[in-house]
């Protein structure tokens, strides 16, 4: 996938937000949480919720990586 969520994962860990916190506070669904760690697609509503919780902008939690550049 050309969208990487490494920044998001680091921010979640730094903020102490775990899968339990995500479930308890109903921030995002567990399947979506799993997609983030597996590099799957997430929708803009999810990105907006995460930005609100983490008080950040989308560019702070994800980045585009050209797949053609990674194969060089």
PDB file of N, CA and C in Angstrom:
ATOM      1  N   UNK A   1       0.833  -1.181   0.000  1.00  0.00           N
ATOM      2  CA  UNK A   1       0.000   0.000   0.000  1.00  0.00           C
ATOM      3  C   UNK A   1       0.879   1.246   0.000  1.00  0.00           C
ATOM      4  N   UNK A   2       0.500   2.231  -0.763  1.00  0.00           N
ATOM      5  CA  UNK A   2       1.312   3.447  -0.814  1.00  0.00           C
ATOM      6  C   UNK A   2       1.124   4.362   0.400  1.00  0.00           C
ATOM      7  N   UNK A   3       0.083   4.142   1.196  1.00  0.00           N
ATOM      8  CA  UNK A   3      -0.116   4.952   2.397  1.00  0.00           C
ATOM      9  C   UNK A   3       0.421   4.173   3.591  1.00  0.00           C
ATOM     10  N   UNK A   4       1.321   4.796   4.319  1.00  0.00           N
ATOM     11  CA  UNK A   4       1.943   4.167   5.490  1.00  0.00           C
ATOM     12  C   UNK A   4       1.448   4.854   6.759  1.00  0.00           C
ATOM     13  N   UNK A   5       1.191   4.064   7.788  1.00  0.00           N
ATOM     14  CA  UNK A   5       0.660   4.580   9.052  1.00  0.00           C
ATOM     15  C   UNK A   5       1.656   4.487  10.204  1.00  0.00           C
ATOM     16  N   UNK A   6       2.936   4.416   9.883  1.00  0.00           N
ATOM     17  CA  UNK A   6       3.955   4.301  10.930  1.00  0.00           C
ATOM     18  C   UNK A   6       3.898   5.476  11.907  1.00  0.00           C
ATOM     19  N   UNK A   7       3.669   6.681  11.380  1.00  0.00           N
ATOM     20  CA  UNK A   7       3.579   7.864  12.245  1.00  0.00           C
ATOM     21  C   UNK A   7       2.401   7.741  13.204  1.00  0.00           C
ATOM     22  N   UNK A   8       1.287   7.214  12.704  1.00  0.00           N
ATOM     23  CA  UNK A   8       0.095   7.040  13.529  1.00  0.00           C
ATOM     24  C   UNK A   8       0.357   6.046  14.647  1.00  0.00           C
ATOM     25  N   UNK A   9       0.976   4.949  14.306  1.00  0.00           N
ATOM     26  CA  UNK A   9       1.264   3.912  15.304  1.00  0.00           C
ATOM     27  C   UNK A   9       2.151   4.481  16.409  1.00  0.00           C
ATOM     28  N   UNK A  10       3.158   5.252  16.034  1.00  0.00           N
ATOM     29  CA  UNK A  10       4.044   5.863  17.031  1.00  0.00           C
ATOM     30  C   UNK A  10       3.285   6.846  17.910  1.00  0.00           C
ATOM     31  N   UNK A  11       2.394   7.648  17.301  1.00  0.00           N
ATOM     32  CA  UNK A  11       1.606   8.620  18.081  1.00  0.00           C
ATOM     33  C   UNK A  11       0.658   7.917  19.049  1.00  0.00           C
ATOM     34  N   UNK A  12       0.031   6.838  18.595  1.00  0.00           N
ATOM     35  CA  UNK A  12      -0.868   6.085  19.468  1.00  0.00           C
ATOM     36  C   UNK A  12      -0.094   5.526  20.662  1.00  0.00           C
ATOM     37  N   UNK A  13       1.066   4.955  20.393  1.00  0.00           N
ATOM     38  CA  UNK A  13       1.890   4.389  21.463  1.00  0.00           C
ATOM     39  C   UNK A  13       2.335   5.476  22.436  1.00  0.00           C
ATOM     40  N   UNK A  14       2.769   6.623  21.888  1.00  0.00           N
ATOM     41  CA  UNK A  14       3.226   7.727  22.729  1.00  0.00           C
ATOM     42  C   UNK A  14       2.098   8.268  23.606  1.00  0.00           C
ATOM     43  N   UNK A  15       0.879   8.281  23.051  1.00  0.00           N
ATOM     44  CA  UNK A  15      -0.283   8.773  23.795  1.00  0.00           C
ATOM     45  C   UNK A  15      -0.850   7.715  24.743  1.00  0.00           C
ATOM     46  N   UNK A  16      -0.314   6.512  24.685  1.00  0.00           N
ATOM     47  CA  UNK A  16      -0.796   5.445  25.557  1.00  0.00           C
ATOM     48  C   UNK A  16      -2.149   4.891  25.131  1.00  0.00           C
ATOM     49  N   UNK A  17      -2.464   5.051  23.844  1.00  0.00           N
ATOM     50  CA  UNK A  17      -3.739   4.550  23.335  1.00  0.00           C
ATOM     51  C   UNK A  17      -3.519   3.132  22.807  1.00  0.00           C
ATOM     52  N   UNK A  18      -4.169   2.191  23.451  1.00  0.00           N
ATOM     53  CA  UNK A  18      -4.036   0.778  23.111  1.00  0.00           C
ATOM     54  C   UNK A  18      -5.312   0.287  22.438  1.00  0.00           C
ATOM     55  N   UNK A  19      -5.306  -0.970  22.013  1.00  0.00           N
ATOM     56  CA  UNK A  19      -6.522  -1.540  21.423  1.00  0.00           C
ATOM     57  C   UNK A  19      -7.653  -1.530  22.449  1.00  0.00           C
ATOM     58  N   UNK A  20      -7.314  -1.713  23.724  1.00  0.00           N
ATOM     59  CA  UNK A  20      -8.323  -1.653  24.774  1.00  0.00           C
ATOM     60  C   UNK A  20      -8.933  -0.256  24.865  1.00  0.00           C
ATOM     61  N   UNK A  21      -8.098   0.772  24.827  1.00  0.00           N
ATOM     62  CA  UNK A  21      -8.579   2.156  24.873  1.00  0.00           C
ATOM     63  C   UNK A  21      -9.468   2.453  23.674  1.00  0.00           C
ATOM     64  N   UNK A  22      -9.051   2.000  22.505  1.00  0.00           N
ATOM     65  CA  UNK A  22      -9.818   2.202  21.275  1.00  0.00           C
ATOM     66  C   UNK A  22     -11.213   1.593  21.429  1.00  0.00           C
ATOM     67  N   UNK A  23     -11.266   0.380  21.965  1.00  0.00           N
ATOM     68  CA  UNK A  23     -12.551  -0.318  22.141  1.00  0.00           C
ATOM     69  C   UNK A  23     -13.385   0.346  23.229  1.00  0.00           C
ATOM     70  N   UNK A  24     -12.773   0.620  24.363  1.00  0.00           N
ATOM     71  CA  UNK A  24     -13.493   1.202  25.501  1.00  0.00           C
ATOM     72  C   UNK A  24     -14.097   2.557  25.165  1.00  0.00           C
ATOM     73  N   UNK A  25     -13.322   3.399  24.503  1.00  0.00           N
ATOM     74  CA  UNK A  25     -13.770   4.760  24.194  1.00  0.00           C
ATOM     75  C   UNK A  25     -14.484   4.857  22.841  1.00  0.00           C
ATOM     76  N   UNK A  26     -14.612   3.722  22.163  1.00  0.00           N
ATOM     77  CA  UNK A  26     -15.297   3.658  20.862  1.00  0.00           C
ATOM     78  C   UNK A  26     -14.749   4.693  19.883  1.00  0.00           C
ATOM     79  N   UNK A  27     -13.427   4.768  19.802  1.00  0.00           N
ATOM     80  CA  UNK A  27     -12.766   5.722  18.910  1.00  0.00           C
ATOM     81  C   UNK A  27     -12.902   5.248  17.463  1.00  0.00           C
ATOM     82  N   UNK A  28     -12.477   4.040  17.193  1.00  0.00           N
ATOM     83  CA  UNK A  28     -12.642   3.404  15.885  1.00  0.00           C
ATOM     84  C   UNK A  28     -12.914   1.930  16.134  1.00  0.00           C
ATOM     85  N   UNK A  29     -13.385   1.236  15.119  1.00  0.00           N
ATOM     86  CA  UNK A  29     -13.656  -0.193  15.257  1.00  0.00           C
ATOM     87  C   UNK A  29     -12.385  -1.015  15.354  1.00  0.00           C
ATOM     88  N   UNK A  30     -12.507  -2.176  15.948  1.00  0.00           N
ATOM     89  CA  UNK A  30     -11.354  -3.064  16.101  1.00  0.00           C
ATOM     90  C   UNK A  30     -10.806  -3.522  14.747  1.00  0.00           C
ATOM     91  N   UNK A  31     -11.697  -3.736  13.774  1.00  0.00           N
ATOM     92  CA  UNK A  31     -11.241  -4.150  12.444  1.00  0.00           C
ATOM     93  C   UNK A  31     -10.411  -3.042  11.797  1.00  0.00           C
ATOM     94  N   UNK A  32     -10.829  -1.798  11.993  1.00  0.00           N
ATOM     95  CA  UNK A  32     -10.090  -0.661  11.448  1.00  0.00           C
ATOM     96  C   UNK A  32      -8.743  -0.532  12.143  1.00  0.00           C
ATOM     97  N   UNK A  33      -8.737  -0.721  13.450  1.00  0.00           N
ATOM     98  CA  UNK A  33      -7.496  -0.678  14.225  1.00  0.00           C
ATOM     99  C   UNK A  33      -6.515  -1.725  13.686  1.00  0.00           C
ATOM    100  N   UNK A  34      -7.027  -2.895  13.399  1.00  0.00           N
ATOM    101  CA  UNK A  34      -6.193  -3.972  12.863  1.00  0.00           C
ATOM    102  C   UNK A  34      -5.649  -3.602  11.476  1.00  0.00           C
ATOM    103  N   UNK A  35      -6.495  -2.975  10.638  1.00  0.00           N
ATOM    104  CA  UNK A  35      -6.064  -2.555   9.297  1.00  0.00           C
ATOM    105  C   UNK A  35      -4.888  -1.588   9.370  1.00  0.00           C
ATOM    106  N   UNK A  36      -4.908  -0.701  10.336  1.00  0.00           N
ATOM    107  CA  UNK A  36      -3.822   0.270  10.484  1.00  0.00           C
ATOM    108  C   UNK A  36      -2.491  -0.446  10.674  1.00  0.00           C
ATOM    109  N   UNK A  37      -2.489  -1.457  11.513  1.00  0.00           N
ATOM    110  CA  UNK A  37      -1.253  -2.181  11.793  1.00  0.00           C
ATOM    111  C   UNK A  37      -0.842  -3.117  10.653  1.00  0.00           C
ATOM    112  N   UNK A  38      -1.819  -3.495   9.818  1.00  0.00           N
ATOM    113  CA  UNK A  38      -1.522  -4.385   8.702  1.00  0.00           C
ATOM    114  C   UNK A  38      -1.316  -3.628   7.395  1.00  0.00           C
ATOM    115  N   UNK A  39      -1.473  -2.293   7.427  1.00  0.00           N
ATOM    116  CA  UNK A  39      -1.267  -1.490   6.234  1.00  0.00           C
ATOM    117  C   UNK A  39      -2.451  -1.465   5.289  1.00  0.00           C
ATOM    118  N   UNK A  40      -3.646  -1.695   5.802  1.00  0.00           N
ATOM    119  CA  UNK A  40      -4.841  -1.678   4.965  1.00  0.00           C
ATOM    120  C   UNK A  40      -5.373  -0.273   4.743  1.00  0.00           C
ATOM    121  N   UNK A  41      -6.447  -0.186   3.980  1.00  0.00           N
ATOM    122  CA  UNK A  41      -7.083   1.100   3.707  1.00  0.00           C
ATOM    123  C   UNK A  41      -8.011   1.494   4.847  1.00  0.00           C
ATOM    124  N   UNK A  42      -7.980   2.767   5.217  1.00  0.00           N
ATOM    125  CA  UNK A  42      -8.942   3.310   6.170  1.00  0.00           C
ATOM    126  C   UNK A  42      -9.582   4.538   5.543  1.00  0.00           C
ATOM    127  N   UNK A  43     -10.813   4.835   5.946  1.00  0.00           N
ATOM    128  CA  UNK A  43     -11.526   5.934   5.308  1.00  0.00           C
ATOM    129  C   UNK A  43     -11.262   7.275   6.001  1.00  0.00           C
ATOM    130  N   UNK A  44     -11.714   8.329   5.354  1.00  0.00           N
ATOM    131  CA  UNK A  44     -11.448   9.679   5.860  1.00  0.00           C
ATOM    132  C   UNK A  44     -12.151   9.958   7.180  1.00  0.00           C
ATOM    133  N   UNK A  45     -13.280   9.323   7.441  1.00  0.00           N
ATOM    134  CA  UNK A  45     -13.953   9.507   8.744  1.00  0.00           C
ATOM    135  C   UNK A  45     -13.065   8.988   9.874  1.00  0.00           C
ATOM    136  N   UNK A  46     -12.414   7.871   9.619  1.00  0.00           N
ATOM    137  CA  UNK A  46     -11.503   7.301  10.611  1.00  0.00           C
ATOM    138  C   UNK A  46     -10.306   8.226  10.823  1.00  0.00           C
ATOM    139  N   UNK A  47      -9.767   8.731   9.740  1.00  0.00           N
ATOM    140  CA  UNK A  47      -8.635   9.658   9.830  1.00  0.00           C
ATOM    141  C   UNK A  47      -9.038  10.887  10.639  1.00  0.00           C
ATOM    142  N   UNK A  48     -10.234  11.413  10.386  1.00  0.00           N
ATOM    143  CA  UNK A  48     -10.724  12.584  11.119  1.00  0.00           C
ATOM    144  C   UNK A  48     -10.865  12.285  12.608  1.00  0.00           C
ATOM    145  N   UNK A  49     -11.410  11.124  12.962  1.00  0.00           N
ATOM    146  CA  UNK A  49     -11.561  10.752  14.373  1.00  0.00           C
ATOM    147  C   UNK A  49     -10.207  10.650  15.061  1.00  0.00           C
ATOM    148  N   UNK A  50      -9.260  10.024  14.382  1.00  0.00           N
ATOM    149  CA  UNK A  50      -7.932   9.864  14.966  1.00  0.00           C
ATOM    150  C   UNK A  50      -7.231  11.212  15.124  1.00  0.00           C
ATOM    151  N   UNK A  51      -7.394  12.089  14.145  1.00  0.00           N
ATOM    152  CA  UNK A  51      -6.798  13.422  14.245  1.00  0.00           C
ATOM    153  C   UNK A  51      -7.396  14.191  15.414  1.00  0.00           C
ATOM    154  N   UNK A  52      -8.685  14.030  15.632  1.00  0.00           N
ATOM    155  CA  UNK A  52      -9.337  14.711  16.758  1.00  0.00           C
ATOM    156  C   UNK A  52      -8.794  14.190  18.088  1.00  0.00           C
ATOM    157  N   UNK A  53      -8.713  12.887  18.212  1.00  0.00           N
ATOM    158  CA  UNK A  53      -8.215  12.275  19.450  1.00  0.00           C
ATOM    159  C   UNK A  53      -6.765  12.647  19.715  1.00  0.00           C
ATOM    160  N   UNK A  54      -5.961  12.672  18.654  1.00  0.00           N
ATOM    161  CA  UNK A  54      -4.527  12.931  18.789  1.00  0.00           C
ATOM    162  C   UNK A  54      -4.169  14.411  18.626  1.00  0.00           C
ATOM    163  N   UNK A  55      -5.183  15.238  18.338  1.00  0.00           N
ATOM    164  CA  UNK A  55      -4.980  16.682  18.155  1.00  0.00           C
ATOM    165  C   UNK A  55      -3.874  16.949  17.131  1.00  0.00           C
ATOM    166  N   UNK A  56      -4.102  16.440  15.916  1.00  0.00           N
ATOM    167  CA  UNK A  56      -3.096  16.575  14.870  1.00  0.00           C
ATOM    168  C   UNK A  56      -3.752  16.701  13.499  1.00  0.00           C
ATOM    169  N   UNK A  57      -2.948  16.817  12.477  1.00  0.00           N
ATOM    170  CA  UNK A  57      -3.396  16.889  11.098  1.00  0.00           C
ATOM    171  C   UNK A  57      -3.115  15.545  10.408  1.00  0.00           C
ATOM    172  N   UNK A  58      -3.840  15.232   9.321  1.00  0.00           N
ATOM    173  CA  UNK A  58      -3.631  13.948   8.643  1.00  0.00           C
ATOM    174  C   UNK A  58      -2.170  13.665   8.266  1.00  0.00           C
ATOM    175  N   UNK A  59      -1.443  14.675   7.845  1.00  0.00           N
ATOM    176  CA  UNK A  59      -0.040  14.479   7.492  1.00  0.00           C
ATOM    177  C   UNK A  59       0.835  14.092   8.668  1.00  0.00           C
ATOM    178  N   UNK A  60       0.323  14.322   9.877  1.00  0.00           N
ATOM    179  CA  UNK A  60       1.071  13.945  11.080  1.00  0.00           C
ATOM    180  C   UNK A  60       0.954  12.461  11.390  1.00  0.00           C
ATOM    181  N   UNK A  61      -0.036  11.786  10.780  1.00  0.00           N
ATOM    182  CA  UNK A  61      -0.268  10.379  11.118  1.00  0.00           C
ATOM    183  C   UNK A  61      -0.120   9.419   9.950  1.00  0.00           C
ATOM    184  N   UNK A  62       0.070   9.942   8.756  1.00  0.00           N
ATOM    185  CA  UNK A  62       0.226   9.054   7.612  1.00  0.00           C
ATOM    186  C   UNK A  62       1.080   9.723   6.549  1.00  0.00           C
ATOM    187  N   UNK A  63       1.627   8.895   5.669  1.00  0.00           N
ATOM    188  CA  UNK A  63       2.436   9.437   4.590  1.00  0.00           C
ATOM    189  C   UNK A  63       2.293   8.571   3.347  1.00  0.00           C
ATOM    190  N   UNK A  64       2.443   9.208   2.212  1.00  0.00           N
ATOM    191  CA  UNK A  64       2.407   8.520   0.925  1.00  0.00           C
ATOM    192  C   UNK A  64       3.823   8.106   0.560  1.00  0.00           C
ATOM    193  N   UNK A  65       3.975   6.850   0.196  1.00  0.00           N
ATOM    194  CA  UNK A  65       5.265   6.336  -0.252  1.00  0.00           C
ATOM    195  C   UNK A  65       5.043   5.716  -1.630  1.00  0.00           C
ATOM    196  N   UNK A  66       5.688   6.285  -2.629  1.00  0.00           N
ATOM    197  CA  UNK A  66       5.548   5.799  -3.990  1.00  0.00           C
ATOM    198  C   UNK A  66       6.072   4.371  -4.060  1.00  0.00           C
ATOM    199  N   UNK A  67       5.211   3.458  -4.433  1.00  0.00           N
ATOM    200  CA  UNK A  67       5.608   2.042  -4.486  1.00  0.00           C
ATOM    201  C   UNK A  67       6.696   1.789  -5.517  1.00  0.00           C
ATOM    202  N   UNK A  68       6.733   2.591  -6.581  1.00  0.00           N
ATOM    203  CA  UNK A  68       7.776   2.438  -7.598  1.00  0.00           C
ATOM    204  C   UNK A  68       9.151   2.759  -7.015  1.00  0.00           C
ATOM    205  N   UNK A  69       9.195   3.735  -6.078  1.00  0.00           N
ATOM    206  CA  UNK A  69      10.471   4.108  -5.467  1.00  0.00           C
ATOM    207  C   UNK A  69      10.996   3.055  -4.516  1.00  0.00           C
ATOM    208  N   UNK A  70      10.113   2.255  -3.918  1.00  0.00           N
ATOM    209  CA  UNK A  70      10.552   1.244  -2.946  1.00  0.00           C
ATOM    210  C   UNK A  70      11.146   0.018  -3.620  1.00  0.00           C
ATOM    211  N   UNK A  71      10.913  -0.122  -4.917  1.00  0.00           N
ATOM    212  CA  UNK A  71      11.433  -1.285  -5.640  1.00  0.00           C
ATOM    213  C   UNK A  71      12.766  -1.022  -6.314  1.00  0.00           C
ATOM    214  N   UNK A  72      13.299   0.149  -6.153  1.00  0.00           N
ATOM    215  CA  UNK A  72      14.565   0.504  -6.801  1.00  0.00           C
ATOM    216  C   UNK A  72      15.740   0.001  -5.998  1.00  0.00           C
TER     217      UNK A  72
END
